Amino acid sequence: AWAQYVPNQYIVEYVDGAESLGRLERSFAGRGLNVKARMSRVARAMVVEGSQTREQLRTLPGVKKVHRVRTFKMSLD
């Protein structure tokens, strides 16, 4: 299998708490970031899309980790 990074999309893990989630989503909207998906069972995270860099996202209050989104393609040869 090989992976390719999706440009301008990141998985953002955030600290627990509904208040921090709301504040973080407002912060994303103010920076022109679009929330593509939310996850809460396996991890407290969101997939966001926008022109911010990984380093810029890491500095936002309430953000624990930032990962680049990757797509995988299986090779069944």
Protein backbone atom coordinates (compact mmCIF):
# COMPACT_ATOMS: atom_id res chain seq x y z
CA ALA A 1 0.00 0.00 0.00
CA TRP A 2 1.16 3.56 -0.60
CA ALA A 3 -0.14 6.82 0.76
CA GLN A 4 -0.59 10.28 -0.62
CA TYR A 5 -1.13 13.43 1.46
CA VAL A 6 -4.31 15.41 0.80
CA PRO A 7 -3.39 19.07 0.28
CA ASN A 8 -4.73 21.59 2.83
CA GLN A 9 -6.53 18.98 4.96
CA TYR A 10 -5.63 18.12 8.55
CA ILE A 11 -6.91 15.97 11.40
CA VAL A 12 -6.97 18.16 14.50
CA GLU A 13 -7.16 16.44 17.90
CA TYR A 14 -8.57 18.71 20.59
CA VAL A 15 -8.83 18.71 24.38
CA ASP A 16 -11.98 17.33 26.00
CA GLY A 17 -14.93 19.58 26.72
CA ALA A 18 -17.84 21.03 24.78
CA GLU A 19 -16.77 24.57 25.62
CA SER A 20 -13.29 24.11 24.11
CA LEU A 21 -14.84 22.46 21.03
CA GLY A 22 -17.15 25.41 20.41
CA ARG A 23 -14.35 27.90 20.90
CA LEU A 24 -12.09 25.94 18.55
CA GLU A 25 -14.77 25.72 15.82
CA ARG A 26 -15.35 29.49 16.04
CA SER A 27 -11.60 30.01 15.79
CA PHE A 28 -11.49 27.80 12.67
CA ALA A 29 -14.33 29.74 11.04
CA GLY A 30 -12.57 33.03 11.77
CA ARG A 31 -9.47 31.75 9.99
CA GLY A 32 -11.31 30.52 6.90
CA LEU A 33 -11.07 26.83 7.83
CA ASN A 34 -13.89 24.48 6.86
CA VAL A 35 -14.73 21.59 9.22
CA LYS A 36 -15.21 18.56 6.94
CA ALA A 37 -15.90 15.91 9.61
CA ARG A 38 -16.10 15.41 13.38
CA MET A 39 -15.04 12.33 15.33
CA SER A 40 -15.80 11.62 18.97
CA ARG A 41 -15.85 7.89 19.63
CA VAL A 42 -12.29 6.87 18.87
CA ALA A 43 -10.67 10.29 19.21
CA ARG A 44 -11.77 13.83 19.91
CA ALA A 45 -10.87 15.21 16.50
CA MET A 46 -12.05 17.09 13.42
CA VAL A 47 -10.97 17.04 9.80
CA VAL A 48 -10.45 20.61 8.64
CA GLU A 49 -9.63 22.11 5.26
CA GLY A 50 -8.04 25.48 4.59
CA SER A 51 -4.88 27.40 3.90
CA GLN A 52 -3.47 27.33 7.46
CA THR A 53 -0.27 25.36 7.99
CA ARG A 54 0.12 22.52 10.44
CA GLU A 55 2.28 24.71 12.66
CA GLN A 56 -0.33 27.49 12.70
CA LEU A 57 -3.06 25.02 13.71
CA ARG A 58 -0.92 23.64 16.55
CA THR A 59 -0.76 27.08 18.19
CA LEU A 60 -4.54 27.42 18.57
CA PRO A 61 -5.85 27.06 22.15
CA GLY A 62 -7.49 23.66 22.70
CA VAL A 63 -5.50 21.83 19.99
CA LYS A 64 -3.59 18.75 21.20
CA LYS A 65 -2.16 17.36 17.93
CA VAL A 66 -2.37 17.98 14.19
CA HIS A 67 -1.95 15.26 11.57
CA ARG A 68 -1.90 15.50 7.79
CA VAL A 69 -4.73 13.64 6.00
CA ARG A 70 -3.55 10.77 3.81
CA THR A 71 -5.28 8.53 1.31
CA PHE A 72 -4.10 4.96 0.87
CA LYS A 73 -4.25 2.81 -2.24
CA MET A 74 -3.80 -0.93 -1.99
CA SER A 75 -1.68 -2.80 -4.47
CA LEU A 76 -2.97 -6.33 -4.90
CA ASP A 77 -0.28 -7.51 -7.32
